[in-house]
Amino acid sequence: MQRLTNRFKQKLALEEVTFGLWFGLANNVAAEICAQSGFDWLLLDAEHSPLSDRETLSCLQAIAPYDIDPIVRPLSGSADRLKRLCDIGAQTFLVPMIANVEEARSVVSAVR
């Protein structure tokens, strides 16, 4: 199977300046409105908002047709949480509370 292209990661590698919006509403209609606002990326903040996995999925589906890169900030960096988010289509993560190299390696391993 061919891997999907991660446009956000490509932009970072090219050191392109991007603009985005942090999103904490558990509402797919609001996510779709934000997806049309002209930002490069939309960060779905499930750490400090009421976004559940189901609502995150709904928001990812709502913004999928638009030219915006979704980023998901999960509640934690646990492997089971990250695998579930990968299964619902999350491709780019901002994982909170990474304190050392071992934790970073664990997170990378979980999403591969």
Protein backbone atom coordinates (compact mmCIF):
# COMPACT_ATOMS: atom_id res chain seq x y z
CA MET A 1 0.00 0.00 0.00
CA GLN A 2 1.28 3.45 -0.87
CA ARG A 3 1.57 5.90 2.01
CA LEU A 4 -0.43 9.09 1.96
CA THR A 5 1.55 12.27 1.49
CA ASN A 6 1.78 14.36 4.64
CA ARG A 7 1.60 17.90 3.22
CA PHE A 8 2.13 19.51 6.62
CA LYS A 9 5.38 17.57 7.10
CA GLN A 10 6.50 18.53 3.59
CA LYS A 11 5.92 22.21 4.35
CA LEU A 12 7.93 21.93 7.56
CA ALA A 13 10.80 20.26 5.70
CA LEU A 14 10.82 23.12 3.20
CA GLU A 15 10.69 25.61 6.08
CA GLU A 16 7.58 27.19 4.61
CA VAL A 17 5.72 29.65 6.79
CA THR A 18 2.25 28.36 7.56
CA PHE A 19 -0.67 29.81 9.46
CA GLY A 20 -3.17 27.82 11.42
CA LEU A 21 -5.94 27.78 13.94
CA TRP A 22 -6.34 25.87 17.21
CA PHE A 23 -9.78 24.29 17.35
CA GLY A 24 -11.40 23.11 20.58
CA LEU A 25 -15.08 22.93 19.75
CA ALA A 26 -16.74 19.51 19.70
CA ASN A 27 -18.71 20.45 16.60
CA ASN A 28 -18.11 19.27 13.04
CA VAL A 29 -20.05 22.17 11.51
CA ALA A 30 -17.75 24.67 13.24
CA ALA A 31 -14.75 22.63 12.04
CA GLU A 32 -16.00 22.81 8.46
CA ILE A 33 -16.47 26.57 8.73
CA CYS A 34 -12.91 26.92 10.03
CA ALA A 35 -11.61 24.68 7.24
CA GLN A 36 -12.88 27.22 4.71
CA SER A 37 -11.28 30.21 6.43
CA GLY A 38 -8.01 30.24 4.49
CA PHE A 39 -5.66 28.79 7.11
CA ASP A 40 -3.01 26.23 6.17
CA TRP A 41 -3.73 23.92 9.10
CA LEU A 42 -6.35 23.27 11.77
CA LEU A 43 -5.28 21.75 15.07
CA LEU A 44 -8.01 19.68 16.73
CA ASP A 45 -7.14 20.01 20.42
CA ALA A 46 -8.45 16.92 22.20
CA GLU A 47 -6.18 17.54 25.20
CA HIS A 48 -7.81 20.74 26.45
CA SER A 49 -11.30 20.48 24.96
CA PRO A 50 -14.28 18.15 25.03
CA LEU A 51 -13.31 16.46 21.72
CA SER A 52 -13.78 12.70 21.98
CA ASP A 53 -12.47 10.22 19.41
CA ARG A 54 -15.91 10.15 17.79
CA GLU A 55 -16.08 13.94 17.58
CA THR A 56 -12.50 14.08 16.29
CA LEU A 57 -13.51 11.65 13.53
CA SER A 58 -16.53 13.78 12.70
CA CYS A 59 -14.37 16.92 12.50
CA LEU A 60 -11.75 15.15 10.34
CA GLN A 61 -14.52 14.04 7.96
CA ALA A 62 -15.98 17.55 7.84
CA ILE A 63 -12.69 19.20 6.90
CA ALA A 64 -11.41 16.47 4.53
CA PRO A 65 -12.74 18.08 1.32
CA TYR A 66 -10.94 21.35 2.02
CA ASP A 67 -7.37 22.46 1.34
CA ILE A 68 -6.30 22.46 4.97
CA ASP A 69 -4.00 20.12 6.90
CA PRO A 70 -5.55 18.65 10.05
CA ILE A 71 -3.38 18.17 13.12
CA VAL A 72 -4.61 16.27 16.16
CA ARG A 73 -3.45 16.98 19.69
CA PRO A 74 -4.43 13.85 21.62
CA LEU A 75 -5.23 13.63 25.29
CA SER A 76 -1.99 11.71 25.79
CA GLY A 77 0.81 10.03 23.88
CA SER A 78 -0.19 6.51 24.86
CA ALA A 79 0.16 3.95 22.09
CA ASP A 80 -3.45 2.82 22.30
CA ARG A 81 -4.74 6.41 22.02
CA LEU A 82 -2.47 7.20 19.04
CA LYS A 83 -3.34 3.97 17.22
CA ARG A 84 -7.06 4.71 17.54
CA LEU A 85 -6.52 8.20 16.14
CA CYS A 86 -4.48 6.80 13.24
CA ASP A 87 -7.32 4.36 12.56
CA ILE A 88 -9.82 7.20 12.23
CA GLY A 89 -7.59 9.07 9.80
CA ALA A 90 -5.35 11.36 11.84
CA GLN A 91 -2.00 11.74 10.12
CA THR A 92 -0.26 14.58 11.94
CA PHE A 93 -0.01 14.85 15.71
CA LEU A 94 1.08 17.34 18.32
CA VAL A 95 1.63 15.01 21.26
CA PRO A 96 1.63 16.67 24.68
CA MET A 97 3.89 16.04 27.63
CA ILE A 98 6.89 14.42 25.94
CA ALA A 99 9.60 14.65 28.58
CA ASN A 100 12.50 12.64 27.17
CA VAL A 101 13.93 10.79 24.20
CA GLU A 102 12.45 7.45 25.23
CA GLU A 103 8.93 8.88 25.30
CA ALA A 104 9.48 10.48 21.90
CA ARG A 105 10.65 7.17 20.44
CA SER A 106 7.65 5.40 21.94
CA VAL A 107 5.27 7.88 20.30
CA VAL A 108 6.97 7.55 16.91
CA SER A 109 6.84 3.77 17.20
CA ALA A 110 3.12 3.86 18.03
CA VAL A 111 2.19 5.81 14.91
CA ARG A 112 4.25 3.75 12.49
